[in-house]
Amino acid sequence: MKNHIKKLRKAKAIENDKYNPTLESAIKLAKLLDTTEEELFMPDT
């Protein structure tokens, strides 16, 4: 039941432009690769 409620809240947040699933994906990918989001997506300077 809790998971269902969490999904409903996430869907509502997406509809209201208060949630960006791409950001969550970036955070998960950075953790998986043991780096930061900035290092993963920012071009070298």
N, C-alpha and C. Protein backbone atom coordinates (compact mmCIF):
# COMPACT_ATOMS: atom_id res chain seq x y z
N MET A 1 0.82 -1.20 0.00
CA MET A 1 0.00 0.00 0.00
C MET A 1 0.86 1.26 0.00
N LYS A 2 1.93 1.26 0.78
CA LYS A 2 2.79 2.44 0.86
C LYS A 2 3.42 2.73 -0.50
N ASN A 3 3.83 1.67 -1.22
CA ASN A 3 4.46 1.85 -2.52
C ASN A 3 3.47 2.45 -3.51
N HIS A 4 2.20 2.04 -3.43
CA HIS A 4 1.17 2.57 -4.31
C HIS A 4 0.96 4.07 -4.05
N ILE A 5 0.93 4.44 -2.81
CA ILE A 5 0.77 5.85 -2.44
C ILE A 5 1.97 6.67 -2.93
N LYS A 6 3.15 6.10 -2.79
CA LYS A 6 4.37 6.79 -3.24
C LYS A 6 4.31 7.03 -4.75
N LYS A 7 3.84 6.04 -5.51
CA LYS A 7 3.72 6.20 -6.95
C LYS A 7 2.70 7.27 -7.32
N LEU A 8 1.58 7.30 -6.58
CA LEU A 8 0.57 8.31 -6.84
C LEU A 8 1.10 9.72 -6.56
N ARG A 9 1.84 9.87 -5.47
CA ARG A 9 2.41 11.18 -5.14
C ARG A 9 3.41 11.62 -6.19
N LYS A 10 4.22 10.67 -6.67
CA LYS A 10 5.22 10.98 -7.68
C LYS A 10 4.53 11.40 -8.98
N ALA A 11 3.48 10.69 -9.36
CA ALA A 11 2.74 11.05 -10.57
C ALA A 11 2.12 12.44 -10.45
N LYS A 12 1.57 12.75 -9.29
CA LYS A 12 0.98 14.07 -9.07
C LYS A 12 2.05 15.17 -9.14
N ALA A 13 3.21 14.89 -8.58
CA ALA A 13 4.31 15.86 -8.61
C ALA A 13 4.78 16.10 -10.04
N ILE A 14 4.83 15.05 -10.84
CA ILE A 14 5.23 15.21 -12.25
C ILE A 14 4.21 16.08 -12.96
N GLU A 15 2.93 15.83 -12.74
CA GLU A 15 1.87 16.62 -13.37
C GLU A 15 1.97 18.09 -12.99
N ASN A 16 2.40 18.39 -11.79
CA ASN A 16 2.48 19.77 -11.32
C ASN A 16 3.85 20.40 -11.56
N ASP A 17 4.70 19.73 -12.33
CA ASP A 17 6.05 20.21 -12.64
C ASP A 17 6.88 20.46 -11.39
N LYS A 18 6.68 19.64 -10.35
CA LYS A 18 7.45 19.76 -9.12
C LYS A 18 8.41 18.60 -8.95
N TYR A 19 8.50 17.75 -9.96
CA TYR A 19 9.35 16.57 -9.87
C TYR A 19 9.94 16.31 -11.24
N ASN A 20 11.22 16.05 -11.29
CA ASN A 20 11.90 15.77 -12.55
C ASN A 20 12.50 14.37 -12.45
N PRO A 21 11.88 13.38 -13.08
CA PRO A 21 12.41 12.02 -12.97
C PRO A 21 13.82 11.88 -13.53
N THR A 22 14.20 12.76 -14.43
CA THR A 22 15.54 12.72 -14.98
C THR A 22 16.58 13.01 -13.91
N LEU A 23 16.25 13.91 -13.00
CA LEU A 23 17.15 14.23 -11.90
C LEU A 23 17.36 13.00 -11.01
N GLU A 24 16.29 12.31 -10.69
CA GLU A 24 16.42 11.10 -9.88
C GLU A 24 17.28 10.06 -10.59
N SER A 25 17.12 9.93 -11.88
CA SER A 25 17.93 8.98 -12.66
C SER A 25 19.40 9.37 -12.63
N ALA A 26 19.67 10.67 -12.73
CA ALA A 26 21.05 11.15 -12.70
C ALA A 26 21.70 10.86 -11.35
N ILE A 27 20.96 11.05 -10.27
CA ILE A 27 21.48 10.79 -8.94
C ILE A 27 21.78 9.31 -8.76
N LYS A 28 20.86 8.46 -9.21
CA LYS A 28 21.06 7.01 -9.10
C LYS A 28 22.25 6.55 -9.94
N LEU A 29 22.38 7.09 -11.13
CA LEU A 29 23.49 6.72 -12.01
C LEU A 29 24.82 7.15 -11.40
N ALA A 30 24.88 8.34 -10.85
CA ALA A 30 26.10 8.83 -10.23
C ALA A 30 26.49 7.94 -9.04
N LYS A 31 25.52 7.55 -8.23
CA LYS A 31 25.81 6.65 -7.10
C LYS A 31 26.31 5.32 -7.59
N LEU A 32 25.68 4.79 -8.63
CA LEU A 32 26.09 3.51 -9.19
C LEU A 32 27.52 3.55 -9.69
N LEU A 33 27.91 4.67 -10.27
CA LEU A 33 29.26 4.83 -10.82
C LEU A 33 30.24 5.42 -9.81
N ASP A 34 29.78 5.61 -8.58
CA ASP A 34 30.62 6.13 -7.50
C ASP A 34 31.26 7.47 -7.87
N THR A 35 30.42 8.38 -8.32
CA THR A 35 30.87 9.71 -8.67
C THR A 35 29.77 10.70 -8.30
N THR A 36 29.95 11.96 -8.62
CA THR A 36 28.92 12.96 -8.35
C THR A 36 28.17 13.27 -9.65
N GLU A 37 27.00 13.88 -9.51
CA GLU A 37 26.24 14.26 -10.69
C GLU A 37 27.02 15.29 -11.52
N GLU A 38 27.68 16.18 -10.82
CA GLU A 38 28.45 17.22 -11.52
C GLU A 38 29.56 16.61 -12.35
N GLU A 39 30.30 15.67 -11.80
CA GLU A 39 31.39 15.05 -12.54
C GLU A 39 30.87 14.23 -13.71
N LEU A 40 29.69 13.68 -13.54
CA LEU A 40 29.11 12.83 -14.58
C LEU A 40 28.60 13.63 -15.76
N PHE A 41 28.01 14.80 -15.51
CA PHE A 41 27.33 15.53 -16.58
C PHE A 41 27.96 16.85 -16.98
N MET A 42 28.88 17.37 -16.22
CA MET A 42 29.49 18.64 -16.59
C MET A 42 30.68 18.40 -17.50
N PRO A 43 30.78 19.18 -18.54
CA PRO A 43 31.93 19.02 -19.46
C PRO A 43 33.22 19.47 -18.78
N ASP A 44 34.30 18.89 -19.21
CA ASP A 44 35.61 19.29 -18.67
C ASP A 44 35.89 20.74 -19.02
N THR A 45 36.49 21.44 -18.06
CA THR A 45 36.82 22.85 -18.31
C THR A 45 38.29 23.03 -18.43
